[in-house]
Amino acid sequence: MSEQQTAKKVDPRGLRFAAAVTTVVLALTLVLNNPWPLAVQAVVFAISVAFGVQASPYGQLFKRLIRPRLGPPKELEDAAPPRFAQLVGLVFAVIGLIGYLADATVLGVVATGFALVAAFVNAAVGLCLGCEAYLLIHRIRTPSRDTHAATN
């Protein structure tokens, strides 16, 4: 595998680690009823979207402190779906921040709650809802060859 191909792949264990940290940060937002942890999480999401999930603070923490103790992963995953999931998380975090800062606390709580559920599901069982949305959108936008051949 070339270096460029490896750069487009990510360790799924790192993704679950990041989801676990995200779960804690979002839970703190709700428990403390304080938008500051959410603002920090929004920055983490933005870094992941802009530079890739490996470049995020959680990705760097995993790479430097945890992965060396685990050894290499059995397989790597495509980086595009998790990066899209980070974009979805960023959207929910921004909506949540708008809610909290505009004194529309219900909006802040609901948006943060949706992001929290998605992060928790990913951390607990390895199901990335944003990744699944990415794959669904990709399938809808890219008709399969079988479908194209059947219509011709």
N, C-alpha and C. Protein backbone atom coordinates (compact mmCIF):
# COMPACT_ATOMS: atom_id res chain seq x y z
N MET A 1 0.86 -1.17 0.00
CA MET A 1 0.00 0.00 0.00
C MET A 1 0.90 1.24 0.00
N SER A 2 0.61 2.18 -0.88
CA SER A 2 1.43 3.38 -0.98
C SER A 2 1.16 4.30 0.22
N GLU A 3 2.08 5.25 0.44
CA GLU A 3 1.92 6.19 1.55
C GLU A 3 0.65 7.03 1.38
N GLN A 4 0.34 7.39 0.12
CA GLN A 4 -0.85 8.20 -0.14
C GLN A 4 -2.11 7.39 0.17
N GLN A 5 -2.14 6.10 -0.17
CA GLN A 5 -3.30 5.28 0.14
C GLN A 5 -3.45 5.10 1.64
N THR A 6 -2.33 4.91 2.35
CA THR A 6 -2.37 4.77 3.80
C THR A 6 -2.90 6.05 4.46
N ALA A 7 -2.56 7.21 3.91
CA ALA A 7 -3.02 8.48 4.47
C ALA A 7 -4.54 8.60 4.38
N LYS A 8 -5.16 7.87 3.47
CA LYS A 8 -6.61 7.93 3.31
C LYS A 8 -7.31 6.83 4.11
N LYS A 9 -6.55 6.15 4.95
CA LYS A 9 -7.09 5.07 5.78
C LYS A 9 -6.89 5.44 7.24
N VAL A 10 -7.78 4.95 8.08
CA VAL A 10 -7.70 5.26 9.51
C VAL A 10 -7.88 3.99 10.33
N ASP A 11 -7.32 4.03 11.52
CA ASP A 11 -7.45 2.93 12.47
C ASP A 11 -8.83 3.02 13.12
N PRO A 12 -9.69 2.01 12.96
CA PRO A 12 -11.04 2.08 13.53
C PRO A 12 -11.04 2.18 15.05
N ARG A 13 -9.99 1.70 15.69
CA ARG A 13 -9.91 1.81 17.15
C ARG A 13 -9.76 3.26 17.57
N GLY A 14 -9.04 4.03 16.77
CA GLY A 14 -8.90 5.45 17.04
C GLY A 14 -10.21 6.19 16.90
N LEU A 15 -11.00 5.76 15.93
CA LEU A 15 -12.32 6.39 15.73
C LEU A 15 -13.22 6.13 16.94
N ARG A 16 -13.17 4.92 17.46
CA ARG A 16 -14.00 4.61 18.63
C ARG A 16 -13.49 5.35 19.87
N PHE A 17 -12.18 5.49 19.98
CA PHE A 17 -11.61 6.25 21.09
C PHE A 17 -12.10 7.70 21.02
N ALA A 18 -12.01 8.29 19.83
CA ALA A 18 -12.45 9.67 19.65
C ALA A 18 -13.94 9.81 19.96
N ALA A 19 -14.73 8.81 19.56
CA ALA A 19 -16.16 8.84 19.85
C ALA A 19 -16.41 8.77 21.36
N ALA A 20 -15.59 8.01 22.08
CA ALA A 20 -15.74 7.92 23.53
C ALA A 20 -15.42 9.26 24.20
N VAL A 21 -14.35 9.90 23.76
CA VAL A 21 -14.00 11.21 24.33
C VAL A 21 -15.10 12.23 23.98
N THR A 22 -15.57 12.17 22.75
CA THR A 22 -16.65 13.07 22.33
C THR A 22 -17.89 12.85 23.19
N THR A 23 -18.20 11.60 23.48
CA THR A 23 -19.34 11.29 24.33
C THR A 23 -19.21 11.97 25.69
N VAL A 24 -18.03 11.90 26.27
CA VAL A 24 -17.80 12.53 27.58
C VAL A 24 -17.95 14.04 27.49
N VAL A 25 -17.38 14.65 26.46
CA VAL A 25 -17.44 16.10 26.31
C VAL A 25 -18.90 16.56 26.12
N LEU A 26 -19.63 15.86 25.28
CA LEU A 26 -21.03 16.24 25.04
C LEU A 26 -21.89 15.99 26.28
N ALA A 27 -21.62 14.92 27.01
CA ALA A 27 -22.36 14.66 28.25
C ALA A 27 -22.08 15.77 29.26
N LEU A 28 -20.83 16.23 29.35
CA LEU A 28 -20.50 17.34 30.24
C LEU A 28 -21.29 18.59 29.87
N THR A 29 -21.42 18.84 28.58
CA THR A 29 -22.21 19.99 28.13
C THR A 29 -23.62 19.93 28.70
N LEU A 30 -24.23 18.76 28.60
CA LEU A 30 -25.62 18.61 29.07
C LEU A 30 -25.71 18.62 30.59
N VAL A 31 -24.83 17.90 31.26
CA VAL A 31 -24.87 17.81 32.72
C VAL A 31 -24.62 19.18 33.36
N LEU A 32 -23.65 19.90 32.81
CA LEU A 32 -23.31 21.21 33.37
C LEU A 32 -24.20 22.33 32.82
N ASN A 33 -24.99 22.01 31.80
CA ASN A 33 -25.79 23.01 31.10
C ASN A 33 -24.92 24.21 30.72
N ASN A 34 -23.77 23.88 30.11
CA ASN A 34 -22.76 24.88 29.82
C ASN A 34 -22.28 24.67 28.38
N PRO A 35 -22.31 25.71 27.55
CA PRO A 35 -21.92 25.54 26.15
C PRO A 35 -20.41 25.44 25.91
N TRP A 36 -19.57 25.71 26.91
CA TRP A 36 -18.13 25.72 26.66
C TRP A 36 -17.56 24.37 26.25
N PRO A 37 -17.94 23.27 26.87
CA PRO A 37 -17.45 21.98 26.36
C PRO A 37 -17.91 21.73 24.92
N LEU A 38 -19.11 22.17 24.61
CA LEU A 38 -19.62 22.02 23.24
C LEU A 38 -18.80 22.87 22.27
N ALA A 39 -18.39 24.04 22.69
CA ALA A 39 -17.55 24.89 21.84
C ALA A 39 -16.20 24.22 21.57
N VAL A 40 -15.64 23.62 22.60
CA VAL A 40 -14.37 22.89 22.42
C VAL A 40 -14.58 21.73 21.44
N GLN A 41 -15.68 21.01 21.61
CA GLN A 41 -15.95 19.88 20.72
C GLN A 41 -16.16 20.36 19.29
N ALA A 42 -16.79 21.50 19.11
CA ALA A 42 -16.98 22.05 17.77
C ALA A 42 -15.63 22.32 17.10
N VAL A 43 -14.68 22.82 17.86
CA VAL A 43 -13.33 23.07 17.33
C VAL A 43 -12.69 21.74 16.92
N VAL A 44 -12.84 20.71 17.75
CA VAL A 44 -12.29 19.39 17.43
C VAL A 44 -12.92 18.86 16.15
N PHE A 45 -14.24 18.99 16.04
CA PHE A 45 -14.92 18.57 14.81
C PHE A 45 -14.37 19.34 13.60
N ALA A 46 -14.21 20.63 13.75
CA ALA A 46 -13.74 21.46 12.63
C ALA A 46 -12.33 21.06 12.19
N ILE A 47 -11.46 20.76 13.14
CA ILE A 47 -10.10 20.30 12.80
C ILE A 47 -10.18 18.98 12.03
N SER A 48 -11.03 18.08 12.49
CA SER A 48 -11.19 16.79 11.82
C SER A 48 -11.70 16.95 10.40
N VAL A 49 -12.63 17.86 10.21
CA VAL A 49 -13.18 18.10 8.87
C VAL A 49 -12.13 18.73 7.97
N ALA A 50 -11.43 19.71 8.49
CA ALA A 50 -10.46 20.45 7.67
C ALA A 50 -9.20 19.65 7.36
N PHE A 51 -8.71 18.89 8.33
CA PHE A 51 -7.39 18.26 8.18
C PHE A 51 -7.41 16.74 8.25
N GLY A 52 -8.56 16.14 8.52
CA GLY A 52 -8.66 14.69 8.63
C GLY A 52 -8.75 14.27 10.09
N VAL A 53 -9.38 13.13 10.32
CA VAL A 53 -9.61 12.69 11.69
C VAL A 53 -8.31 12.38 12.43
N GLN A 54 -7.26 12.00 11.71
CA GLN A 54 -5.98 11.71 12.36
C GLN A 54 -5.36 12.98 12.93
N ALA A 55 -5.67 14.13 12.36
CA ALA A 55 -5.08 15.40 12.79
C ALA A 55 -5.81 16.01 13.98
N SER A 56 -6.97 15.49 14.32
CA SER A 56 -7.71 16.06 15.44
C SER A 56 -6.97 15.83 16.75
N PRO A 57 -7.25 16.62 17.76
CA PRO A 57 -6.60 16.40 19.05
C PRO A 57 -6.83 14.97 19.58
N TYR A 58 -8.03 14.43 19.41
CA TYR A 58 -8.31 13.07 19.88
C TYR A 58 -7.53 12.05 19.04
N GLY A 59 -7.43 12.29 17.74
CA GLY A 59 -6.65 11.41 16.87
C GLY A 59 -5.18 11.41 17.25
N GLN A 60 -4.66 12.58 17.57
CA GLN A 60 -3.25 12.69 17.98
C GLN A 60 -3.02 12.01 19.33
N LEU A 61 -3.96 12.18 20.24
CA LEU A 61 -3.86 11.52 21.54
C LEU A 61 -3.84 10.01 21.37
N PHE A 62 -4.72 9.49 20.54
CA PHE A 62 -4.76 8.05 20.28
C PHE A 62 -3.44 7.59 19.65
N LYS A 63 -2.99 8.32 18.65
CA LYS A 63 -1.78 7.94 17.92
C LYS A 63 -0.55 7.90 18.83
N ARG A 64 -0.43 8.87 19.71
CA ARG A 64 0.79 8.99 20.53
C ARG A 64 0.75 8.17 21.82
N LEU A 65 -0.42 8.05 22.44
CA LEU A 65 -0.48 7.41 23.75
C LEU A 65 -1.10 6.01 23.77
N ILE A 66 -2.06 5.77 22.90
CA ILE A 66 -2.81 4.52 22.99
C ILE A 66 -2.39 3.50 21.93
N ARG A 67 -2.33 3.92 20.69
CA ARG A 67 -2.00 2.97 19.62
C ARG A 67 -0.67 2.25 19.83
N PRO A 68 0.39 2.92 20.31
CA PRO A 68 1.64 2.19 20.52
C PRO A 68 1.51 1.02 21.50
N ARG A 69 0.57 1.11 22.40
CA ARG A 69 0.35 0.03 23.37
C ARG A 69 -0.51 -1.10 22.80
N LEU A 70 -1.19 -0.82 21.70
CA LEU A 70 -2.09 -1.82 21.10
C LEU A 70 -1.46 -2.62 19.97
N GLY A 71 -0.50 -2.03 19.32
CA GLY A 71 0.05 -2.68 18.13
C GLY A 71 -0.77 -2.28 16.92
N PRO A 72 -0.37 -2.79 15.76
CA PRO A 72 -1.07 -2.39 14.53
C PRO A 72 -2.49 -2.95 14.47
N PRO A 73 -3.37 -2.24 13.79
CA PRO A 73 -4.75 -2.73 13.65
C PRO A 73 -4.80 -3.90 12.66
N LYS A 74 -5.84 -4.70 12.77
CA LYS A 74 -6.03 -5.81 11.84
C LYS A 74 -6.28 -5.29 10.43
N GLU A 75 -7.03 -4.20 10.36
CA GLU A 75 -7.30 -3.55 9.07
C GLU A 75 -7.59 -2.08 9.30
N LEU A 76 -7.44 -1.32 8.22
CA LEU A 76 -7.72 0.11 8.26
C LEU A 76 -9.02 0.38 7.52
N GLU A 77 -9.64 1.51 7.81
CA GLU A 77 -10.89 1.90 7.17
C GLU A 77 -10.67 3.15 6.33
N ASP A 78 -11.52 3.32 5.33
CA ASP A 78 -11.50 4.52 4.50
C ASP A 78 -11.78 5.73 5.39
N ALA A 79 -11.01 6.80 5.20
CA ALA A 79 -11.13 7.99 6.04
C ALA A 79 -12.31 8.88 5.65
N ALA A 80 -12.83 8.74 4.44
CA ALA A 80 -13.88 9.65 3.98
C ALA A 80 -15.17 9.57 4.81
N PRO A 81 -15.72 8.38 5.08
CA PRO A 81 -16.95 8.35 5.88
C PRO A 81 -16.80 8.96 7.28
N PRO A 82 -15.73 8.65 8.04
CA PRO A 82 -15.60 9.30 9.34
C PRO A 82 -15.42 10.81 9.25
N ARG A 83 -14.75 11.26 8.21
CA ARG A 83 -14.58 12.71 8.04
C ARG A 83 -15.94 13.37 7.79
N PHE A 84 -16.78 12.73 7.00
CA PHE A 84 -18.14 13.22 6.78
C PHE A 84 -18.91 13.22 8.11
N ALA A 85 -18.74 12.16 8.88
CA ALA A 85 -19.42 12.07 10.19
C ALA A 85 -19.00 13.23 11.09
N GLN A 86 -17.73 13.62 11.01
CA GLN A 86 -17.25 14.77 11.79
C GLN A 86 -17.94 16.06 11.32
N LEU A 87 -18.19 16.15 10.02
CA LEU A 87 -18.91 17.31 9.49
C LEU A 87 -20.33 17.35 10.04
N VAL A 88 -20.98 16.20 10.08
CA VAL A 88 -22.33 16.13 10.66
C VAL A 88 -22.28 16.53 12.13
N GLY A 89 -21.28 16.03 12.86
CA GLY A 89 -21.11 16.42 14.26
C GLY A 89 -20.90 17.91 14.41
N LEU A 90 -20.10 18.47 13.51
CA LEU A 90 -19.86 19.92 13.54
C LEU A 90 -21.16 20.70 13.35
N VAL A 91 -21.98 20.25 12.42
CA VAL A 91 -23.27 20.93 12.18
C VAL A 91 -24.13 20.89 13.44
N PHE A 92 -24.22 19.72 14.07
CA PHE A 92 -25.01 19.63 15.30
C PHE A 92 -24.41 20.47 16.42
N ALA A 93 -23.08 20.50 16.52
CA ALA A 93 -22.43 21.31 17.55
C ALA A 93 -22.69 22.79 17.33
N VAL A 94 -22.62 23.24 16.09
CA VAL A 94 -22.87 24.66 15.79
C VAL A 94 -24.33 25.01 16.08
N ILE A 95 -25.23 24.14 15.70
CA ILE A 95 -26.66 24.38 16.00
C ILE A 95 -26.85 24.43 17.52
N GLY A 96 -26.21 23.50 18.23
CA GLY A 96 -26.30 23.50 19.69
C GLY A 96 -25.76 24.78 20.29
N LEU A 97 -24.62 25.24 19.79
CA LEU A 97 -24.04 26.49 20.29
C LEU A 97 -24.95 27.67 20.02
N ILE A 98 -25.51 27.71 18.83
CA ILE A 98 -26.46 28.78 18.50
C ILE A 98 -27.61 28.76 19.50
N GLY A 99 -28.12 27.57 19.78
CA GLY A 99 -29.22 27.45 20.73
C GLY A 99 -28.84 27.97 22.11
N TYR A 100 -27.72 27.49 22.61
CA TYR A 100 -27.28 27.93 23.95
C TYR A 100 -27.02 29.44 23.99
N LEU A 101 -26.32 29.95 22.99
CA LEU A 101 -25.93 31.36 23.01
C LEU A 101 -27.09 32.30 22.69
N ALA A 102 -28.12 31.81 22.00
CA ALA A 102 -29.28 32.64 21.69
C ALA A 102 -30.38 32.48 22.74
N ASP A 103 -30.02 31.85 23.86
CA ASP A 103 -30.98 31.60 24.95
C ASP A 103 -32.15 30.74 24.49
N ALA A 104 -31.89 29.89 23.51
CA ALA A 104 -32.85 28.87 23.06
C ALA A 104 -32.29 27.54 23.54
N THR A 105 -32.29 27.38 24.85
CA THR A 105 -31.63 26.24 25.49
C THR A 105 -32.17 24.91 24.99
N VAL A 106 -33.45 24.83 24.70
CA VAL A 106 -34.02 23.57 24.21
C VAL A 106 -33.34 23.17 22.90
N LEU A 107 -33.12 24.12 22.01
CA LEU A 107 -32.42 23.82 20.76
C LEU A 107 -31.00 23.34 21.06
N GLY A 108 -30.32 24.00 21.97
CA GLY A 108 -28.96 23.58 22.34
C GLY A 108 -28.93 22.18 22.91
N VAL A 109 -29.86 21.87 23.78
CA VAL A 109 -29.92 20.56 24.42
C VAL A 109 -30.26 19.47 23.38
N VAL A 110 -31.22 19.74 22.53
CA VAL A 110 -31.63 18.73 21.54
C VAL A 110 -30.50 18.46 20.54
N ALA A 111 -29.89 19.50 20.02
CA ALA A 111 -28.79 19.31 19.06
C ALA A 111 -27.62 18.59 19.72
N THR A 112 -27.28 18.97 20.92
CA THR A 112 -26.20 18.30 21.65
C THR A 112 -26.58 16.85 21.95
N GLY A 113 -27.83 16.64 22.29
CA GLY A 113 -28.32 15.28 22.57
C GLY A 113 -28.21 14.37 21.36
N PHE A 114 -28.57 14.87 20.18
CA PHE A 114 -28.44 14.07 18.96
C PHE A 114 -26.98 13.70 18.71
N ALA A 115 -26.10 14.66 18.86
CA ALA A 115 -24.66 14.39 18.66
C ALA A 115 -24.17 13.40 19.71
N LEU A 116 -24.64 13.54 20.94
CA LEU A 116 -24.24 12.63 22.01
C LEU A 116 -24.67 11.20 21.72
N VAL A 117 -25.89 11.01 21.28
CA VAL A 117 -26.37 9.66 20.95
C VAL A 117 -25.51 9.04 19.85
N ALA A 118 -25.23 9.81 18.81
CA ALA A 118 -24.41 9.29 17.71
C ALA A 118 -23.01 8.92 18.19
N ALA A 119 -22.40 9.78 19.00
CA ALA A 119 -21.06 9.49 19.52
C ALA A 119 -21.07 8.26 20.43
N PHE A 120 -22.09 8.17 21.27
CA PHE A 120 -22.17 7.03 22.19
C PHE A 120 -22.35 5.71 21.44
N VAL A 121 -23.21 5.70 20.44
CA VAL A 121 -23.42 4.47 19.66
C VAL A 121 -22.12 4.05 18.99
N ASN A 122 -21.39 5.01 18.46
CA ASN A 122 -20.10 4.70 17.83
C ASN A 122 -19.12 4.15 18.86
N ALA A 123 -19.02 4.81 20.00
CA ALA A 123 -18.08 4.36 21.03
C ALA A 123 -18.46 3.00 21.60
N ALA A 124 -19.75 2.78 21.82
CA ALA A 124 -20.19 1.56 22.50
C ALA A 124 -20.21 0.33 21.59
N VAL A 125 -20.69 0.50 20.36
CA VAL A 125 -20.84 -0.68 19.49
C VAL A 125 -20.13 -0.56 18.15
N GLY A 126 -19.47 0.57 17.92
CA GLY A 126 -18.72 0.72 16.67
C GLY A 126 -19.57 1.05 15.45
N LEU A 127 -20.80 1.48 15.68
CA LEU A 127 -21.67 1.87 14.56
C LEU A 127 -21.62 3.38 14.41
N CYS A 128 -21.04 3.83 13.33
CA CYS A 128 -20.91 5.27 13.06
C CYS A 128 -22.10 5.70 12.20
N LEU A 129 -23.03 6.42 12.80
CA LEU A 129 -24.24 6.83 12.08
C LEU A 129 -23.92 7.80 10.96
N GLY A 130 -22.99 8.72 11.18
CA GLY A 130 -22.58 9.65 10.12
C GLY A 130 -21.91 8.92 8.97
N CYS A 131 -21.13 7.87 9.29
CA CYS A 131 -20.49 7.07 8.24
C CYS A 131 -21.55 6.34 7.40
N GLU A 132 -22.55 5.82 8.07
CA GLU A 132 -23.64 5.13 7.36
C GLU A 132 -24.39 6.11 6.47
N ALA A 133 -24.59 7.34 6.94
CA ALA A 133 -25.23 8.37 6.11
C ALA A 133 -24.38 8.67 4.89
N TYR A 134 -23.06 8.77 5.08
CA TYR A 134 -22.14 9.01 3.97
C TYR A 134 -22.29 7.90 2.92
N LEU A 135 -22.28 6.65 3.36
CA LEU A 135 -22.38 5.53 2.43
C LEU A 135 -23.72 5.52 1.70
N LEU A 136 -24.79 5.86 2.41
CA LEU A 136 -26.11 5.93 1.78
C LEU A 136 -26.15 7.03 0.73
N ILE A 137 -25.64 8.19 1.06
CA ILE A 137 -25.60 9.30 0.10
C ILE A 137 -24.75 8.91 -1.11
N HIS A 138 -23.63 8.26 -0.85
CA HIS A 138 -22.73 7.83 -1.94
C HIS A 138 -23.45 6.84 -2.87
N ARG A 139 -24.20 5.90 -2.29
CA ARG A 139 -24.95 4.93 -3.12
C ARG A 139 -26.03 5.61 -3.93
N ILE A 140 -26.70 6.59 -3.36
CA ILE A 140 -27.77 7.30 -4.07
C ILE A 140 -27.19 8.13 -5.21
N ARG A 141 -26.06 8.78 -4.96
CA ARG A 141 -25.43 9.64 -5.97
C ARG A 141 -24.68 8.87 -7.04
N THR A 142 -24.29 7.63 -6.75
CA THR A 142 -23.52 6.83 -7.69
C THR A 142 -24.30 5.56 -8.00
N PRO A 143 -25.12 5.59 -9.06
CA PRO A 143 -25.88 4.39 -9.40
C PRO A 143 -24.94 3.23 -9.71
N SER A 144 -25.34 2.04 -9.29
CA SER A 144 -24.51 0.87 -9.57
C SER A 144 -24.53 0.56 -11.06
N ARG A 145 -23.53 -0.16 -11.50
CA ARG A 145 -23.44 -0.55 -12.91
C ARG A 145 -24.57 -1.47 -13.29
N ASP A 146 -25.00 -2.33 -12.34
CA ASP A 146 -26.10 -3.25 -12.61
C ASP A 146 -27.38 -2.48 -12.91
N THR A 147 -27.65 -1.45 -12.12
CA THR A 147 -28.85 -0.64 -12.33
C THR A 147 -28.76 0.07 -13.67
N HIS A 148 -27.58 0.61 -13.99
CA HIS A 148 -27.41 1.31 -15.26
C HIS A 148 -27.56 0.36 -16.43
N ALA A 149 -27.01 -0.84 -16.32
CA ALA A 149 -27.10 -1.82 -17.40
C ALA A 149 -28.53 -2.30 -17.60
N ALA A 150 -29.29 -2.42 -16.49
CA ALA A 150 -30.66 -2.89 -16.59
C ALA A 150 -31.57 -1.89 -17.27
N THR A 151 -31.23 -0.59 -17.18
CA THR A 151 -32.09 0.43 -17.80
C THR A 151 -31.74 0.65 -19.27
N ASN A 152 -30.65 0.11 -19.73
CA ASN A 152 -30.24 0.28 -21.14
C ASN A 152 -30.63 -0.90 -21.98
